[in-house]
Amino acid sequence: ANKLAAPGTGRDTYAVNRALVSVTGPAPAGTAPIARGYIFTSYTPARATLKLAVEQDHKLTAAQQTVVWTGADWRVLLPEPGTETDAQPLTNLDGFVALHE
């Protein structure tokens, strides 16, 4: 998480919770979410907000993500506990920049 997530309460909480989980192997084939597209909703040189479209179990959803510039790279700003937003269902990728496999 330290290389992908920006410092903050969200990252600290994620690290504590992640330590409580044991992963013994890869996810079963076809069950891992696949990033399908994105659309920026706001941008400054220091911070950007986007919706990330993900496919899982043959369903499309989009969730808001915030990234911040660290001076060397963009990092995900994980939400503080209690401020998370739920993913919203999508019927298609209209308006999104499509990501290809």
C-alpha atoms as a PDB file:
ATOM      1  CA  ALA A   1       0.000   0.000   0.000  1.00  0.00           C
ATOM      2  CA  ASN A   2       2.902   2.391   0.631  1.00  0.00           C
ATOM      3  CA  LYS A   3       3.823   2.499  -3.070  1.00  0.00           C
ATOM      4  CA  LEU A   4       0.265   2.922  -4.369  1.00  0.00           C
ATOM      5  CA  ALA A   5      -1.580   4.830  -1.654  1.00  0.00           C
ATOM      6  CA  ALA A   6      -0.946   8.359  -0.450  1.00  0.00           C
ATOM      7  CA  PRO A   7      -0.113   8.857   3.233  1.00  0.00           C
ATOM      8  CA  GLY A   8      -3.118   9.490   5.444  1.00  0.00           C
ATOM      9  CA  THR A   9      -5.728   7.980   7.746  1.00  0.00           C
ATOM     10  CA  GLY A  10      -7.227   5.917   4.918  1.00  0.00           C
ATOM     11  CA  ARG A  11      -3.902   4.254   4.134  1.00  0.00           C
ATOM     12  CA  ASP A  12      -3.182   3.642   7.807  1.00  0.00           C
ATOM     13  CA  THR A  13      -6.594   2.030   8.320  1.00  0.00           C
ATOM     14  CA  TYR A  14      -6.160  -0.107   5.206  1.00  0.00           C
ATOM     15  CA  ALA A  15      -2.746  -1.325   6.442  1.00  0.00           C
ATOM     16  CA  VAL A  16      -4.157  -2.369   9.825  1.00  0.00           C
ATOM     17  CA  ASN A  17      -7.126  -4.173   8.273  1.00  0.00           C
ATOM     18  CA  ARG A  18      -4.993  -5.799   5.566  1.00  0.00           C
ATOM     19  CA  ALA A  19      -2.752  -7.301   8.244  1.00  0.00           C
ATOM     20  CA  LEU A  20      -5.820  -9.151   9.589  1.00  0.00           C
ATOM     21  CA  VAL A  21      -6.431 -10.952   6.267  1.00  0.00           C
ATOM     22  CA  SER A  22      -4.601 -14.039   5.075  1.00  0.00           C
ATOM     23  CA  VAL A  23      -4.301 -14.590   1.316  1.00  0.00           C
ATOM     24  CA  THR A  24      -3.140 -18.069   0.406  1.00  0.00           C
ATOM     25  CA  GLY A  25      -3.302 -17.875  -3.393  1.00  0.00           C
ATOM     26  CA  PRO A  26      -4.702 -16.056  -6.383  1.00  0.00           C
ATOM     27  CA  ALA A  27      -8.409 -15.358  -6.767  1.00  0.00           C
ATOM     28  CA  PRO A  28     -10.267 -18.072  -8.665  1.00  0.00           C
ATOM     29  CA  ALA A  29     -10.264 -17.479 -12.422  1.00  0.00           C
ATOM     30  CA  GLY A  30     -12.908 -15.017 -13.526  1.00  0.00           C
ATOM     31  CA  THR A  31     -13.684 -13.614 -10.065  1.00  0.00           C
ATOM     32  CA  ALA A  32     -11.227 -10.722  -9.784  1.00  0.00           C
ATOM     33  CA  PRO A  33     -12.548  -7.283 -10.787  1.00  0.00           C
ATOM     34  CA  ILE A  34     -11.294  -5.897 -14.111  1.00  0.00           C
ATOM     35  CA  ALA A  35     -10.800  -2.148 -14.669  1.00  0.00           C
ATOM     36  CA  ARG A  36     -12.730  -1.282 -17.850  1.00  0.00           C
ATOM     37  CA  GLY A  37     -12.561   2.512 -18.059  1.00  0.00           C
ATOM     38  CA  TYR A  38     -12.299   5.880 -16.354  1.00  0.00           C
ATOM     39  CA  ILE A  39     -13.559   9.439 -16.584  1.00  0.00           C
ATOM     40  CA  PHE A  40     -12.066  12.446 -14.815  1.00  0.00           C
ATOM     41  CA  THR A  41     -14.564  14.502 -12.838  1.00  0.00           C
ATOM     42  CA  SER A  42     -12.075  17.117 -11.584  1.00  0.00           C
ATOM     43  CA  TYR A  43      -8.389  17.871 -12.033  1.00  0.00           C
ATOM     44  CA  THR A  44      -5.694  20.131 -10.637  1.00  0.00           C
ATOM     45  CA  PRO A  45      -1.937  19.567 -10.905  1.00  0.00           C
ATOM     46  CA  ALA A  46      -1.994  18.319  -7.299  1.00  0.00           C
ATOM     47  CA  ARG A  47      -5.219  16.287  -7.174  1.00  0.00           C
ATOM     48  CA  ALA A  48      -7.613  14.518  -9.514  1.00  0.00           C
ATOM     49  CA  THR A  49     -10.947  12.827  -8.995  1.00  0.00           C
ATOM     50  CA  LEU A  50     -12.196  10.184 -11.362  1.00  0.00           C
ATOM     51  CA  LYS A  51     -14.789   7.491 -11.705  1.00  0.00           C
ATOM     52  CA  LEU A  52     -13.288   4.072 -12.282  1.00  0.00           C
ATOM     53  CA  ALA A  53     -15.469   1.562 -14.137  1.00  0.00           C
ATOM     54  CA  VAL A  54     -14.958  -2.042 -13.074  1.00  0.00           C
ATOM     55  CA  GLU A  55     -16.431  -5.308 -14.315  1.00  0.00           C
ATOM     56  CA  GLN A  56     -16.984  -8.168 -11.889  1.00  0.00           C
ATOM     57  CA  ASP A  57     -19.336 -11.120 -12.260  1.00  0.00           C
ATOM     58  CA  HIS A  58     -20.382  -9.730 -15.682  1.00  0.00           C
ATOM     59  CA  LYS A  59     -21.658  -6.504 -14.063  1.00  0.00           C
ATOM     60  CA  LEU A  60     -20.306  -2.971 -14.580  1.00  0.00           C
ATOM     61  CA  THR A  61     -20.013  -0.512 -11.714  1.00  0.00           C
ATOM     62  CA  ALA A  62     -18.241   2.801 -11.219  1.00  0.00           C
ATOM     63  CA  ALA A  63     -16.726   4.153  -8.026  1.00  0.00           C
ATOM     64  CA  GLN A  64     -15.171   7.516  -7.302  1.00  0.00           C
ATOM     65  CA  GLN A  65     -11.427   7.553  -6.707  1.00  0.00           C
ATOM     66  CA  THR A  66      -9.126  10.416  -5.767  1.00  0.00           C
ATOM     67  CA  VAL A  67      -5.447  10.521  -6.648  1.00  0.00           C
ATOM     68  CA  VAL A  68      -2.856  13.027  -5.447  1.00  0.00           C
ATOM     69  CA  TRP A  69       0.491  14.044  -6.905  1.00  0.00           C
ATOM     70  CA  THR A  70       3.341  13.225  -4.515  1.00  0.00           C
ATOM     71  CA  GLY A  71       6.035  15.082  -6.445  1.00  0.00           C
ATOM     72  CA  ALA A  72       7.172  11.913  -8.194  1.00  0.00           C
ATOM     73  CA  ASP A  73       4.001   9.979  -9.051  1.00  0.00           C
ATOM     74  CA  TRP A  74       0.231   9.836  -8.611  1.00  0.00           C
ATOM     75  CA  ARG A  75      -1.024   7.891  -5.590  1.00  0.00           C
ATOM     76  CA  VAL A  76      -4.506   6.802  -4.572  1.00  0.00           C
ATOM     77  CA  LEU A  77      -5.948   8.764  -1.666  1.00  0.00           C
ATOM     78  CA  LEU A  78      -7.803   6.071   0.261  1.00  0.00           C
ATOM     79  CA  PRO A  79     -10.933   7.408   1.997  1.00  0.00           C
ATOM     80  CA  GLU A  80     -11.036   7.866   5.730  1.00  0.00           C
ATOM     81  CA  PRO A  81     -13.205   5.337   7.576  1.00  0.00           C
ATOM     82  CA  GLY A  82     -16.874   6.240   7.284  1.00  0.00           C
ATOM     83  CA  THR A  83     -16.414   8.403   4.169  1.00  0.00           C
ATOM     84  CA  GLU A  84     -16.343   5.600   1.593  1.00  0.00           C
ATOM     85  CA  THR A  85     -18.823   5.770  -1.276  1.00  0.00           C
ATOM     86  CA  ASP A  86     -20.587   2.791  -2.813  1.00  0.00           C
ATOM     87  CA  ALA A  87     -20.020   1.831  -6.416  1.00  0.00           C
ATOM     88  CA  GLN A  88     -22.892   2.716  -8.741  1.00  0.00           C
ATOM     89  CA  PRO A  89     -24.196   0.323 -11.412  1.00  0.00           C
ATOM     90  CA  LEU A  90     -23.423   1.111 -15.070  1.00  0.00           C
ATOM     91  CA  THR A  91     -25.183  -0.145 -18.169  1.00  0.00           C
ATOM     92  CA  ASN A  92     -22.329   0.782 -20.536  1.00  0.00           C
ATOM     93  CA  LEU A  93     -19.058   2.740 -20.775  1.00  0.00           C
ATOM     94  CA  ASP A  94     -20.518   5.778 -22.583  1.00  0.00           C
ATOM     95  CA  GLY A  95     -18.380   8.816 -21.704  1.00  0.00           C
ATOM     96  CA  PHE A  96     -15.578   6.704 -20.207  1.00  0.00           C
ATOM     97  CA  VAL A  97     -12.104   6.244 -21.626  1.00  0.00           C
ATOM     98  CA  ALA A  98     -12.103   2.503 -22.280  1.00  0.00           C
ATOM     99  CA  LEU A  99      -9.248   0.351 -21.012  1.00  0.00           C
ATOM    100  CA  HIS A 100      -8.394  -2.652 -23.131  1.00  0.00           C
ATOM    101  CA  GLU A 101      -7.013  -5.980 -22.020  1.00  0.00           C
END
